[in-house]
C-alpha atoms as a PDB file:
ATOM      1  CA  UNK A   1      90.310  52.990  82.711  1.00  0.00           C
ATOM      2  CA  UNK A   2      89.178  55.174  79.820  1.00  0.00           C
ATOM      3  CA  UNK A   3      85.413  55.541  79.558  1.00  0.00           C
ATOM      4  CA  UNK A   4      83.306  57.171  76.920  1.00  0.00           C
ATOM      5  CA  UNK A   5      80.415  56.972  74.520  1.00  0.00           C
ATOM      6  CA  UNK A   6      80.719  56.325  70.801  1.00  0.00           C
ATOM      7  CA  UNK A   7      78.808  58.196  68.084  1.00  0.00           C
ATOM      8  CA  UNK A   8      76.351  55.267  67.965  1.00  0.00           C
ATOM      9  CA  UNK A   9      75.674  55.758  71.679  1.00  0.00           C
ATOM     10  CA  UNK A  10      77.540  52.670  72.900  1.00  0.00           C
ATOM     11  CA  UNK A  11      79.165  53.190  76.296  1.00  0.00           C
ATOM     12  CA  UNK A  12      82.668  51.742  76.559  1.00  0.00           C
ATOM     13  CA  UNK A  13      85.382  51.290  79.134  1.00  0.00           C
ATOM     14  CA  UNK A  14      88.912  50.512  77.944  1.00  0.00           C
ATOM     15  CA  UNK A  15      91.902  49.453  79.981  1.00  0.00           C
ATOM     16  CA  UNK A  16      94.360  52.287  79.448  1.00  0.00           C
ATOM     17  CA  UNK A  17      97.210  49.762  79.171  1.00  0.00           C
ATOM     18  CA  UNK A  18      95.857  48.640  75.773  1.00  0.00           C
ATOM     19  CA  UNK A  19      97.169  51.803  74.121  1.00  0.00           C
ATOM     20  CA  UNK A  20     100.763  50.595  74.380  1.00  0.00           C
ATOM     21  CA  UNK A  21      99.984  47.043  73.258  1.00  0.00           C
ATOM     22  CA  UNK A  22     102.153  46.148  70.284  1.00  0.00           C
ATOM     23  CA  UNK A  23      99.356  44.260  68.524  1.00  0.00           C
ATOM     24  CA  UNK A  24      97.057  47.267  68.836  1.00  0.00           C
ATOM     25  CA  UNK A  25      99.664  49.625  67.416  1.00  0.00           C
ATOM     26  CA  UNK A  26     100.437  47.230  64.573  1.00  0.00           C
ATOM     27  CA  UNK A  27      96.720  46.814  63.858  1.00  0.00           C
ATOM     28  CA  UNK A  28      96.220  50.581  63.721  1.00  0.00           C
ATOM     29  CA  UNK A  29      99.037  50.869  61.200  1.00  0.00           C
ATOM     30  CA  UNK A  30      97.839  47.938  59.078  1.00  0.00           C
ATOM     31  CA  UNK A  31      94.210  49.090  59.139  1.00  0.00           C
ATOM     32  CA  UNK A  32      95.256  51.875  56.780  1.00  0.00           C
ATOM     33  CA  UNK A  33      97.114  49.620  54.348  1.00  0.00           C
ATOM     34  CA  UNK A  34      96.467  49.756  50.611  1.00  0.00           C
ATOM     35  CA  UNK A  35      96.207  45.948  50.726  1.00  0.00           C
ATOM     36  CA  UNK A  36      92.487  45.283  51.249  1.00  0.00           C
ATOM     37  CA  UNK A  37      93.036  41.848  52.833  1.00  0.00           C
ATOM     38  CA  UNK A  38      95.622  43.195  55.272  1.00  0.00           C
ATOM     39  CA  UNK A  39      93.371  46.157  56.087  1.00  0.00           C
ATOM     40  CA  UNK A  40      90.413  43.844  56.775  1.00  0.00           C
ATOM     41  CA  UNK A  41      92.423  41.499  59.015  1.00  0.00           C
ATOM     42  CA  UNK A  42      93.947  44.431  60.894  1.00  0.00           C
ATOM     43  CA  UNK A  43      90.556  46.034  61.455  1.00  0.00           C
ATOM     44  CA  UNK A  44      89.113  42.784  62.793  1.00  0.00           C
ATOM     45  CA  UNK A  45      92.061  42.412  65.170  1.00  0.00           C
ATOM     46  CA  UNK A  46      91.835  46.067  66.202  1.00  0.00           C
ATOM     47  CA  UNK A  47      88.167  45.688  67.131  1.00  0.00           C
ATOM     48  CA  UNK A  48      88.870  42.481  69.059  1.00  0.00           C
ATOM     49  CA  UNK A  49      91.712  44.098  70.975  1.00  0.00           C
ATOM     50  CA  UNK A  50      89.650  47.156  71.869  1.00  0.00           C
ATOM     51  CA  UNK A  51      86.670  45.167  73.095  1.00  0.00           C
ATOM     52  CA  UNK A  52      88.882  42.641  74.855  1.00  0.00           C
ATOM     53  CA  UNK A  53      86.392  39.770  74.773  1.00  0.00           C
ATOM     54  CA  UNK A  54      83.842  38.079  72.569  1.00  0.00           C
ATOM     55  CA  UNK A  55      81.190  39.037  75.112  1.00  0.00           C
ATOM     56  CA  UNK A  56      81.944  42.758  74.751  1.00  0.00           C
ATOM     57  CA  UNK A  57      81.962  42.479  70.958  1.00  0.00           C
ATOM     58  CA  UNK A  58      78.579  40.751  71.137  1.00  0.00           C
ATOM     59  CA  UNK A  59      77.274  43.456  73.483  1.00  0.00           C
ATOM     60  CA  UNK A  60      78.311  46.074  70.921  1.00  0.00           C
ATOM     61  CA  UNK A  61      76.704  44.103  68.103  1.00  0.00           C
ATOM     62  CA  UNK A  62      73.460  43.709  70.053  1.00  0.00           C
ATOM     63  CA  UNK A  63      73.439  47.440  70.757  1.00  0.00           C
ATOM     64  CA  UNK A  64      74.091  48.638  67.190  1.00  0.00           C
ATOM     65  CA  UNK A  65      72.573  45.979  64.916  1.00  0.00           C
ATOM     66  CA  UNK A  66      68.909  46.577  65.804  1.00  0.00           C
ATOM     67  CA  UNK A  67      69.285  50.160  64.582  1.00  0.00           C
ATOM     68  CA  UNK A  68      70.366  48.899  61.125  1.00  0.00           C
ATOM     69  CA  UNK A  69      68.043  45.967  60.362  1.00  0.00           C
ATOM     70  CA  UNK A  70      70.243  43.458  62.181  1.00  0.00           C
ATOM     71  CA  UNK A  71      73.589  44.598  60.743  1.00  0.00           C
ATOM     72  CA  UNK A  72      76.497  46.732  61.884  1.00  0.00           C
ATOM     73  CA  UNK A  73      77.530  48.936  58.956  1.00  0.00           C
ATOM     74  CA  UNK A  74      81.274  49.329  58.555  1.00  0.00           C
ATOM     75  CA  UNK A  75      80.961  53.129  58.614  1.00  0.00           C
ATOM     76  CA  UNK A  76      79.283  52.973  62.041  1.00  0.00           C
ATOM     77  CA  UNK A  77      81.903  50.563  63.377  1.00  0.00           C
ATOM     78  CA  UNK A  78      84.725  52.730  62.013  1.00  0.00           C
ATOM     79  CA  UNK A  79      83.298  55.889  63.626  1.00  0.00           C
ATOM     80  CA  UNK A  80      82.898  54.085  66.948  1.00  0.00           C
ATOM     81  CA  UNK A  81      86.409  52.589  66.862  1.00  0.00           C
ATOM     82  CA  UNK A  82      87.801  56.012  65.975  1.00  0.00           C
ATOM     83  CA  UNK A  83      85.998  57.486  68.991  1.00  0.00           C
ATOM     84  CA  UNK A  84      87.490  54.803  71.250  1.00  0.00           C
ATOM     85  CA  UNK A  85      90.998  55.403  69.918  1.00  0.00           C
ATOM     86  CA  UNK A  86      90.530  59.144  70.303  1.00  0.00           C
ATOM     87  CA  UNK A  87      89.518  58.636  73.925  1.00  0.00           C
ATOM     88  CA  UNK A  88      92.709  56.626  74.469  1.00  0.00           C
ATOM     89  CA  UNK A  89      94.727  59.368  72.772  1.00  0.00           C
ATOM     90  CA  UNK A  90      93.148  62.009  74.973  1.00  0.00           C
ATOM     91  CA  UNK A  91      94.153  60.135  78.111  1.00  0.00           C
ATOM     92  CA  UNK A  92      97.513  60.758  79.803  1.00  0.00           C
ATOM     93  CA  UNK A  93      99.804  58.910  77.371  1.00  0.00           C
ATOM     94  CA  UNK A  94      99.238  59.566  73.683  1.00  0.00           C
ATOM     95  CA  UNK A  95      99.365  56.933  70.954  1.00  0.00           C
ATOM     96  CA  UNK A  96     101.910  58.081  68.404  1.00  0.00           C
ATOM     97  CA  UNK A  97     101.683  56.852  64.858  1.00  0.00           C
END
């Protein structure tokens, strides 16, 4: 289990096995696509895979949204997802891109 805290202050715990999940790796790659639609779909899938459940996504939303008038700005989400991926990278097996 990889635990940490995102820049927004959200505490997370990720199953270390997720870092070798094919869908996660594919989503990371596609989240940097020049195709806006592909990038959006990949980012949505990436977030879902990291959180692992609708309940965890909702917990994140309920934690962050009140700080931003009921919304989760993309920049905040991106910084938090980056922090989670960095924590996975810093664990024993590194994600290679």
